[in-house]
Amino acid sequence: MSVELSLRHRQGSFELAADFATGAGITALFGRSGSGKTSLINMIAGLTRPDSGRISVNGRILFDRAAGIDLPAHRRRVGYVFQEARLFPHLTVRQNLGYAGLFSRKRDGASFDQVVQLLGIGHLLARRPLHLSGGEKQRVAIGRALLAAPDILLMDEPLASLDEDRKGEILPYLERLRDESLVPIIYVTHSVPEIARLATSVVLIADGKTIASGTASEILGRLDLLPFTAQDESGAGALVEASIARHDVADQLTVLTSPLGELRIPALGAAVGTHLRLQIKARDVMLSLSHPTDISALNIVPCRIQGLSEDESGMVNVDLEHDGAHFLARVTPKSTRHLALEPGKEIYAVIKSVAFDRRHIGAWR
């Protein structure tokens, strides 16, 4: 499975120039509002015609200006999930799902029962949209898109209209969709927590240009990209893949095995051996020149400084490395001077267990 595109388009004073290739899983188009993310997926869907370029999905050419190829939207085999579910209010969930099959000529897509099971919507089939929560509506909208047997699924900020509780309801289903569906997914977002939990790879867009692409861990962990990825002080951080080693029931902790060594976090209700991905936010990492003692923080990681970068606010982001794994700390200029921080220096990173937000810890295969 692959998606390849190279597009150029001008609309008024705004110019879009996008070049990237990606594969299976969820590819997040990440950038600030107005950067061109929705414009780009509208071009993939055939809703907007680029001035020039080429789009191919799984080797099938959807658009090639030089070759005179421009498939209409209804022939592109694209599933599109919008910010709002856009379900037919007079139809039941079952009827909304069945509507998609009327427009699909493919016969090798997921079956009705498979989609219903994947998204956990079996108990909703007899209901109408008026009687669904926001998260339930979005799951039905995703199911409808999948039942059209698309070659690619486009999702335009599907969680943007949901509150935190409804987001928490739908995120596990998006993880399953990422891991179990054979359809590549292009997912538009400007949310770092959604990237941290869902994205297989990231395409970073700023002012209509593709700035960088790579795995989510690579993009969020790069010092040079922090001006684009750390949109506020809570955004900067690194992703760490880990697995549950054991549960400390007495102290209500879960112990993880990770590239940073053992990490202790608040107790999770998942089985030993479960693979996870979690974000360690730079603002939650403290630094010490010696191994700390008699402190409340439970995670102490010996590491070496790889680089430092001052951001627009004057704070200093520190690239830390432990046995080849990288993560970030964010400190004041005074702390930088007081600790004499510089590349190559050995130091200890201190991470509080309570800094890990359960909402942003996702299942990972």
Protein backbone atom coordinates (compact mmCIF):
# COMPACT_ATOMS: atom_id res chain seq x y z
CA MET A 1 0.00 0.00 0.00
CA SER A 2 1.38 3.38 -0.95
CA VAL A 3 0.37 6.96 -1.58
CA GLU A 4 2.59 9.19 -3.68
CA LEU A 5 1.93 12.78 -4.63
CA SER A 6 3.63 15.86 -5.93
CA LEU A 7 1.31 18.84 -6.35
CA ARG A 8 1.45 22.55 -7.06
CA HIS A 9 -1.53 24.88 -6.78
CA ARG A 10 -2.10 28.60 -6.37
CA GLN A 11 -5.28 30.18 -5.04
CA GLY A 12 -5.04 33.93 -4.75
CA SER A 13 -1.89 34.73 -2.79
CA PHE A 14 -1.72 31.24 -1.25
CA GLU A 15 0.56 28.72 -2.96
CA LEU A 16 0.59 25.02 -2.08
CA ALA A 17 3.61 22.85 -2.92
CA ALA A 18 3.36 19.33 -1.53
CA ASP A 19 5.65 16.37 -2.12
CA PHE A 20 5.56 13.14 -0.11
CA ALA A 21 5.12 9.38 -0.23
CA THR A 22 3.68 7.24 2.52
CA GLY A 23 2.40 3.75 3.20
CA ALA A 24 0.09 1.79 5.49
CA GLY A 25 -1.33 2.97 8.79
CA ILE A 26 -2.23 6.55 9.66
CA THR A 27 -0.27 9.34 8.01
CA ALA A 28 -0.96 12.60 9.82
CA LEU A 29 -0.95 15.84 7.86
CA PHE A 30 0.16 18.09 10.68
CA GLY A 31 0.34 21.86 10.80
CA ARG A 32 -1.30 25.02 12.03
CA SER A 33 -4.74 26.10 10.84
CA GLY A 34 -4.48 27.62 7.37
CA SER A 35 -1.35 25.69 6.40
CA GLY A 36 -3.07 23.89 3.50
CA LYS A 37 -3.93 20.50 5.01
CA THR A 38 -7.60 20.39 4.01
CA SER A 39 -6.82 21.85 0.59
CA LEU A 40 -4.39 18.99 0.04
CA ILE A 41 -6.80 16.18 0.88
CA ASN A 42 -9.49 17.86 -1.23
CA MET A 43 -7.09 17.51 -4.16
CA ILE A 44 -6.59 13.82 -3.38
CA ALA A 45 -10.38 13.39 -3.23
CA GLY A 46 -10.88 15.14 -6.57
CA LEU A 47 -12.82 18.06 -5.06
CA THR A 48 -10.14 20.56 -6.14
CA ARG A 49 -8.04 20.33 -9.29
CA PRO A 50 -4.32 21.16 -8.77
CA ASP A 51 -2.51 23.38 -11.25
CA SER A 52 0.10 20.68 -11.80
CA GLY A 53 1.47 17.47 -10.38
CA ARG A 54 0.62 13.82 -9.86
CA ILE A 55 -1.31 11.65 -7.36
CA SER A 56 -1.19 7.86 -7.20
CA VAL A 57 -2.69 5.43 -4.68
CA ASN A 58 -1.43 1.83 -4.64
CA GLY A 59 0.00 2.39 -8.11
CA ARG A 60 -3.28 3.67 -9.54
CA ILE A 61 -2.98 7.18 -10.97
CA LEU A 62 -5.74 9.52 -9.83
CA PHE A 63 -4.27 12.69 -11.29
CA ASP A 64 -1.41 13.45 -13.67
CA ARG A 65 -1.59 16.86 -15.29
CA ALA A 66 1.21 16.13 -17.75
CA ALA A 67 -0.43 12.88 -18.90
CA GLY A 68 -3.92 14.39 -19.02
CA ILE A 69 -5.31 12.10 -16.28
CA ASP A 70 -7.88 13.56 -13.87
CA LEU A 71 -10.30 10.97 -12.52
CA PRO A 72 -13.59 12.43 -11.28
CA ALA A 73 -14.24 12.19 -7.54
CA HIS A 74 -16.74 9.32 -7.85
CA ARG A 75 -14.12 7.14 -9.63
CA ARG A 76 -11.21 7.75 -7.25
CA ARG A 77 -12.29 5.16 -4.64
CA VAL A 78 -11.75 7.62 -1.82
CA GLY A 79 -13.49 7.50 1.55
CA TYR A 80 -13.85 10.91 3.20
CA VAL A 81 -14.67 11.54 6.88
CA PHE A 82 -15.37 15.18 7.71
CA GLN A 83 -15.24 17.07 11.02
CA GLU A 84 -19.01 16.59 11.30
CA ALA A 85 -20.43 13.11 10.71
CA ARG A 86 -22.90 14.25 7.99
CA LEU A 87 -25.20 11.28 8.49
CA PHE A 88 -28.69 11.17 6.98
CA PRO A 89 -30.93 12.09 9.93
CA HIS A 90 -34.00 10.24 8.61
CA LEU A 91 -32.13 6.92 8.23
CA THR A 92 -31.09 4.43 10.90
CA VAL A 93 -27.43 3.60 11.46
CA ARG A 94 -27.91 0.39 9.46
CA GLN A 95 -29.43 2.33 6.56
CA ASN A 96 -26.69 4.98 6.69
CA LEU A 97 -24.07 2.24 6.50
CA GLY A 98 -25.87 0.47 3.68
CA TYR A 99 -26.04 3.66 1.66
CA ALA A 100 -22.29 3.49 1.02
CA GLY A 101 -22.56 0.19 -0.82
CA LEU A 102 -24.79 1.74 -3.47
CA PHE A 103 -21.79 3.65 -4.84
CA SER A 104 -19.08 1.01 -4.65
CA ARG A 105 -18.17 -1.16 -7.62
CA LYS A 106 -15.41 -2.96 -5.75
CA ARG A 107 -16.18 -6.30 -4.18
CA ASP A 108 -13.02 -6.81 -2.17
CA GLY A 109 -13.66 -4.30 0.62
CA ALA A 110 -14.46 -5.04 4.24
CA SER A 111 -17.82 -6.70 4.86
CA PHE A 112 -20.67 -5.08 6.77
CA ASP A 113 -20.14 -7.37 9.76
CA GLN A 114 -16.38 -6.74 9.77
CA VAL A 115 -16.84 -2.97 9.84
CA VAL A 116 -19.53 -3.12 12.52
CA GLN A 117 -17.28 -5.28 14.71
CA LEU A 118 -14.18 -3.17 14.09
CA LEU A 119 -15.93 0.04 15.16
CA GLY A 120 -18.11 -1.47 17.90
CA ILE A 121 -21.37 -0.12 16.51
CA GLY A 122 -23.51 -3.27 16.47
CA HIS A 123 -25.72 -2.02 19.30
CA LEU A 124 -26.40 1.21 17.40
CA LEU A 125 -27.79 -0.22 14.15
CA ALA A 126 -31.46 0.48 14.88
CA ARG A 127 -30.89 4.03 16.14
CA ARG A 128 -31.14 7.27 14.18
CA PRO A 129 -28.37 9.93 14.36
CA LEU A 130 -30.42 12.12 16.72
CA HIS A 131 -29.95 9.46 19.41
CA LEU A 132 -26.17 9.08 19.00
CA SER A 133 -23.33 10.81 20.85
CA GLY A 134 -20.77 12.78 18.86
CA GLY A 135 -18.26 9.94 19.10
CA GLU A 136 -20.85 7.38 18.00
CA LYS A 137 -21.78 9.51 14.99
CA GLN A 138 -18.15 9.71 13.92
CA ARG A 139 -17.72 5.94 14.24
CA VAL A 140 -20.74 5.44 12.00
CA ALA A 141 -19.36 7.98 9.51
CA ILE A 142 -16.06 6.08 9.43
CA GLY A 143 -17.96 2.82 8.91
CA ARG A 144 -19.90 4.30 6.02
CA ALA A 145 -16.67 5.45 4.39
CA LEU A 146 -15.08 2.00 4.81
CA LEU A 147 -18.10 0.21 3.34
CA ALA A 148 -17.62 2.17 0.11
CA ALA A 149 -14.53 -0.07 -0.31
CA PRO A 150 -12.07 2.84 -0.72
CA ASP A 151 -8.45 2.55 -1.76
CA ILE A 152 -7.65 5.38 0.66
CA LEU A 153 -9.41 6.95 3.65
CA LEU A 154 -9.20 10.72 4.17
CA MET A 155 -10.06 12.09 7.63
CA ASP A 156 -10.33 15.85 8.08
CA GLU A 157 -9.87 16.58 11.81
CA PRO A 158 -12.53 13.99 12.77
CA LEU A 159 -12.19 14.74 16.50
CA ALA A 160 -12.23 18.53 16.26
CA SER A 161 -15.91 18.90 17.15
CA LEU A 162 -15.79 16.46 20.10
CA ASP A 163 -15.17 17.18 23.78
CA GLU A 164 -12.46 15.31 25.68
CA ASP A 165 -14.79 12.53 26.86
CA ARG A 166 -16.07 11.84 23.33
CA LYS A 167 -12.50 11.90 22.00
CA GLY A 168 -11.55 9.31 24.61
CA GLU A 169 -14.49 7.20 23.43
CA ILE A 170 -13.43 7.13 19.77
CA LEU A 171 -9.60 7.00 20.03
CA PRO A 172 -9.39 3.22 20.76
CA TYR A 173 -11.45 2.55 17.61
CA LEU A 174 -9.13 4.73 15.53
CA GLU A 175 -6.21 2.70 16.89
CA ARG A 176 -7.93 -0.50 15.79
CA LEU A 177 -8.64 1.02 12.39
CA ARG A 178 -4.95 1.91 12.03
CA ASP A 179 -3.80 -1.58 13.02
CA GLU A 180 -6.44 -3.79 11.40
CA SER A 181 -7.60 -2.00 8.26
CA LEU A 182 -5.73 -2.54 5.00
CA VAL A 183 -6.68 0.93 3.79
CA PRO A 184 -4.04 3.71 4.05
CA ILE A 185 -5.35 6.66 6.04
CA ILE A 186 -4.50 10.35 5.59
CA TYR A 187 -5.46 12.11 8.82
CA VAL A 188 -5.57 15.91 9.05
CA THR A 189 -4.82 17.37 12.49
CA HIS A 190 -3.12 20.18 14.36
CA SER A 191 -3.25 18.25 17.66
CA VAL A 192 0.02 16.91 19.09
CA PRO A 193 -1.80 14.47 21.44
CA GLU A 194 -3.62 12.93 18.46
CA ILE A 195 -0.32 12.58 16.61
CA ALA A 196 1.29 11.00 19.66
CA ARG A 197 -1.45 8.44 20.06
CA LEU A 198 -2.43 7.61 16.48
CA ALA A 199 0.09 8.51 13.80
CA THR A 200 2.31 5.96 12.09
CA SER A 201 4.00 8.69 10.10
CA VAL A 202 3.77 12.47 9.89
CA VAL A 203 3.90 14.95 7.03
CA LEU A 204 4.59 18.42 8.44
CA ILE A 205 3.03 21.30 6.50
CA ALA A 206 3.64 25.02 7.01
CA ASP A 207 2.43 27.85 4.78
CA GLY A 208 1.46 25.39 2.06
CA LYS A 209 4.84 23.63 1.96
CA THR A 210 5.80 20.15 3.12
CA ILE A 211 8.59 20.89 5.62
CA ALA A 212 9.44 17.31 6.63
CA SER A 213 8.08 13.77 6.69
CA GLY A 214 8.97 10.67 8.68
CA THR A 215 7.80 8.56 11.59
CA ALA A 216 5.90 10.33 14.35
CA SER A 217 8.81 9.77 16.74
CA GLU A 218 11.30 11.31 14.31
CA ILE A 219 9.23 14.40 13.55
CA LEU A 220 8.13 15.24 17.11
CA GLY A 221 11.61 14.62 18.52
CA ARG A 222 13.62 16.86 16.17
CA LEU A 223 14.97 20.06 17.69
CA ASP A 224 15.00 21.89 14.36
CA LEU A 225 11.28 21.21 13.84
CA LEU A 226 10.12 22.41 17.27
CA PRO A 227 9.09 25.84 15.89
CA PHE A 228 6.50 23.95 13.83
CA THR A 229 5.58 21.02 16.10
CA ALA A 230 5.62 22.67 19.54
CA GLN A 231 2.77 25.08 18.97
CA ASP A 232 2.66 25.87 22.70
CA GLU A 233 4.72 24.88 25.73
CA SER A 234 2.70 21.68 26.17
CA GLY A 235 3.43 20.42 22.66
CA ALA A 236 7.18 19.73 22.69
CA GLY A 237 8.08 16.21 23.62
CA ALA A 238 9.18 12.82 22.41
CA LEU A 239 7.36 9.56 21.74
CA VAL A 240 8.50 6.38 23.45
CA GLU A 241 7.36 2.87 22.60
CA ALA A 242 7.09 0.59 25.61
CA SER A 243 5.44 -2.57 26.89
CA ILE A 244 3.86 -3.41 30.22
CA ALA A 245 6.29 -5.44 32.33
CA ARG A 246 4.20 -5.76 35.49
CA HIS A 247 1.65 -4.07 37.71
CA ASP A 248 2.51 -2.85 41.21
CA VAL A 249 -0.93 -3.23 42.75
CA ALA A 250 0.06 -2.08 46.23
CA ASP A 251 1.39 1.25 44.96
CA GLN A 252 -1.10 1.59 42.07
CA LEU A 253 1.64 1.76 39.46
CA THR A 254 2.32 0.09 36.13
CA VAL A 255 5.96 -0.66 35.28
CA LEU A 256 6.94 -0.35 31.63
CA THR A 257 9.93 -1.71 29.74
CA SER A 258 11.15 0.97 27.34
CA PRO A 259 14.27 2.18 25.48
CA LEU A 260 14.78 4.55 28.43
CA GLY A 261 14.79 1.66 30.89
CA GLU A 262 11.99 0.92 33.32
CA LEU A 263 9.35 3.63 33.61
CA ARG A 264 6.73 3.79 36.36
CA ILE A 265 3.41 5.38 35.53
CA PRO A 266 -0.04 5.49 37.19
CA ALA A 267 -1.75 2.09 37.01
CA LEU A 268 -3.22 1.10 33.66
CA GLY A 269 -5.98 -1.42 33.14
CA ALA A 270 -4.15 -3.35 30.43
CA ALA A 271 -2.54 -6.79 30.39
CA VAL A 272 1.14 -7.50 30.95
CA GLY A 273 2.86 -7.55 27.56
CA THR A 274 0.61 -4.90 26.03
CA HIS A 275 2.56 -2.61 23.70
CA LEU A 276 2.06 1.11 24.18
CA ARG A 277 3.24 4.44 22.88
CA LEU A 278 3.43 7.42 25.19
CA GLN A 279 4.59 11.00 24.99
CA ILE A 280 7.15 12.40 27.40
CA LYS A 281 6.60 16.14 27.35
CA ALA A 282 9.73 18.26 27.52
CA ARG A 283 8.22 20.49 30.19
CA ASP A 284 7.84 17.44 32.49
CA VAL A 285 11.55 16.50 32.39
CA MET A 286 13.88 17.92 35.06
CA LEU A 287 17.68 17.73 34.85
CA SER A 288 20.26 16.99 37.54
CA LEU A 289 24.06 16.82 37.43
CA SER A 290 24.10 13.95 39.94
CA HIS A 291 21.82 11.00 40.64
CA PRO A 292 18.97 12.48 42.70
CA THR A 293 18.07 10.96 46.06
CA ASP A 294 15.20 11.50 48.48
CA ILE A 295 12.83 12.89 45.86
CA SER A 296 9.27 11.89 44.94
CA ALA A 297 9.89 11.35 41.21
CA LEU A 298 10.22 7.64 40.37
CA ASN A 299 11.81 7.77 36.92
CA ILE A 300 15.50 8.72 36.75
CA VAL A 301 17.25 8.24 33.40
CA PRO A 302 21.02 8.69 32.90
CA CYS A 303 21.64 10.35 29.56
CA ARG A 304 23.92 12.49 27.43
CA ILE A 305 23.12 15.90 25.95
CA GLN A 306 23.09 15.83 22.14
CA GLY A 307 22.09 19.41 21.43
CA LEU A 308 20.41 22.57 22.69
CA SER A 309 18.04 25.00 20.98
CA GLU A 310 16.51 28.23 22.26
CA ASP A 311 12.87 28.83 21.27
CA GLU A 312 11.00 32.07 20.60
CA SER A 313 10.07 32.48 24.26
CA GLY A 314 13.71 32.25 25.33
CA MET A 315 13.37 28.79 26.88
CA VAL A 316 15.97 26.15 26.01
CA ASN A 317 15.07 22.75 24.57
CA VAL A 318 17.62 20.04 25.33
CA ASP A 319 18.01 16.92 23.16
CA LEU A 320 18.80 13.98 25.47
CA GLU A 321 20.02 10.51 24.48
CA HIS A 322 19.92 7.24 26.43
CA ASP A 323 21.22 4.10 24.70
CA GLY A 324 20.30 5.50 21.30
CA ALA A 325 16.82 6.69 22.31
CA HIS A 326 16.15 10.43 22.22
CA PHE A 327 13.81 12.61 24.25
CA LEU A 328 13.60 16.28 25.21
CA ALA A 329 13.76 18.55 28.24
CA ARG A 330 12.72 22.20 28.41
CA VAL A 331 14.56 24.44 30.86
CA THR A 332 15.16 28.11 31.56
CA PRO A 333 18.27 29.97 30.38
CA LYS A 334 19.24 30.34 34.06
CA SER A 335 19.17 26.57 34.56
CA THR A 336 21.16 26.14 31.36
CA ARG A 337 23.88 28.43 32.70
CA HIS A 338 23.76 27.07 36.27
CA LEU A 339 24.15 23.45 35.10
CA ALA A 340 26.59 24.44 32.32
CA LEU A 341 24.56 22.42 29.84
CA GLU A 342 26.34 21.64 26.59
CA PRO A 343 26.48 18.86 24.00
CA GLY A 344 28.27 15.75 25.24
CA LYS A 345 27.61 16.38 28.93
CA GLU A 346 26.43 13.47 31.09
CA ILE A 347 23.31 14.28 33.07
CA TYR A 348 20.28 12.69 34.78
CA ALA A 349 16.74 13.24 33.57
CA VAL A 350 13.99 13.09 36.18
CA ILE A 351 10.40 12.33 35.10
CA LYS A 352 7.49 12.29 37.54
CA SER A 353 5.13 9.33 37.23
CA VAL A 354 2.10 11.60 37.44
CA ALA A 355 3.32 13.50 34.37
CA PHE A 356 2.05 10.71 32.13
CA ASP A 357 -1.50 11.45 30.96
CA ARG A 358 -3.53 8.25 30.49
CA ARG A 359 -5.56 9.92 27.74
CA HIS A 360 -2.44 10.22 25.59
CA ILE A 361 -1.15 6.67 26.11
CA GLY A 362 -2.16 4.56 23.14
CA ALA A 363 -2.07 0.94 22.11
CA TRP A 364 0.70 0.20 19.63
CA ARG A 365 1.65 -2.86 17.60
